[in-house]
Every structure is written in structure tokens, then in C-alpha cells.
Amino acid sequence: MKNWKLIAQGLDGAIPEADLPKLAQTLEAMDAAFRPLAEAIPDEIEPAVIFHIQPEEQA
């Protein structure tokens, strides 16, 4: 399990110290929920890449 509180402190993202435990708890829950899903993806599946092309401006 990653130490999300330590990671958040190291990023120096101006997160108040009082908010770090709640943030860490949320990130731990997300990590626990998504890690099994990510590990279940077969190796031959490539990630989806989406390009958003802005319409050309007409002069």
C-alpha cells in the first residue's frame, strides 16, 4: 500500500496538513478499488488514446 499522505506532502501541492488524512483515505480507497481492475486488463489490450481536434476557424 502506498503512503499517500507522504506522497501528497512531497508534491508540495499546498494541501493543508489537516486535509491530508482525509485525502489519503480517499486515495487509498481508490487504489484498492482500481488496482484489481487494472491488473485484470490483458497485456495485449492497448490503452485508448483520444485526440480532440478543434474545428478550423474560417477566415
Protein backbone atom coordinates (compact mmCIF):
# COMPACT_ATOMS: atom_id res chain seq x y z
CA MET A 1 0.00 0.00 0.00
CA LYS A 2 1.33 3.43 -0.90
CA ASN A 3 1.77 6.12 1.73
CA TRP A 4 -0.49 8.72 0.09
CA LYS A 5 -0.02 11.25 2.89
CA LEU A 6 3.74 11.20 2.37
CA ILE A 7 3.30 11.42 -1.41
CA ALA A 8 0.99 14.43 -1.07
CA GLN A 9 3.43 16.17 1.26
CA GLY A 10 6.29 15.52 -1.16
CA LEU A 11 4.42 17.05 -4.08
CA ASP A 12 4.15 20.32 -2.19
CA GLY A 13 0.70 20.96 -3.63
CA ALA A 14 -0.27 23.43 -0.94
CA ILE A 15 -2.62 20.92 0.69
CA PRO A 16 -3.37 21.93 4.27
CA GLU A 17 -1.95 19.47 6.82
CA ALA A 18 -5.41 19.00 8.33
CA ASP A 19 -6.77 17.76 4.97
CA LEU A 20 -4.04 15.16 4.36
CA PRO A 21 -5.61 12.29 6.37
CA LYS A 22 -8.94 12.63 4.54
CA LEU A 23 -7.17 12.88 1.18
CA ALA A 24 -5.01 9.85 1.97
CA GLN A 25 -8.08 7.84 2.97
CA THR A 26 -9.81 8.68 -0.31
CA LEU A 27 -6.75 7.81 -2.39
CA GLU A 28 -6.31 4.51 -0.53
CA ALA A 29 -9.93 3.59 -1.29
CA MET A 30 -9.50 4.47 -4.96
CA ASP A 31 -6.25 2.49 -5.13
CA ALA A 32 -7.95 -0.55 -3.56
CA ALA A 33 -10.88 -0.31 -5.98
CA PHE A 34 -8.97 0.27 -9.21
CA ARG A 35 -5.81 -1.83 -8.74
CA PRO A 36 -7.65 -5.18 -9.23
CA LEU A 37 -9.39 -3.77 -12.29
CA ALA A 38 -6.12 -2.59 -13.82
CA GLU A 39 -4.43 -5.92 -13.09
CA ALA A 40 -7.29 -7.77 -14.82
CA ILE A 41 -6.68 -5.99 -18.14
CA PRO A 42 -4.93 -8.42 -20.51
CA ASP A 43 -1.45 -7.43 -21.65
CA GLU A 44 -2.47 -7.38 -25.33
CA ILE A 45 -5.03 -4.61 -24.71
CA GLU A 46 -3.64 -1.21 -25.60
CA PRO A 47 -4.75 1.95 -23.82
CA ALA A 48 -7.27 4.09 -25.66
CA VAL A 49 -5.86 7.32 -26.97
CA ILE A 50 -8.31 10.11 -27.68
CA PHE A 51 -7.42 13.19 -29.67
CA HIS A 52 -9.72 16.20 -29.55
CA ILE A 53 -9.27 18.24 -32.68
CA GLN A 54 -10.59 21.77 -32.57
CA PRO A 55 -12.57 22.85 -35.65
CA GLU A 56 -10.68 25.06 -38.03
CA GLU A 57 -11.57 28.72 -37.89
CA GLN A 58 -12.93 30.12 -41.10
CA ALA A 59 -11.44 33.43 -42.20
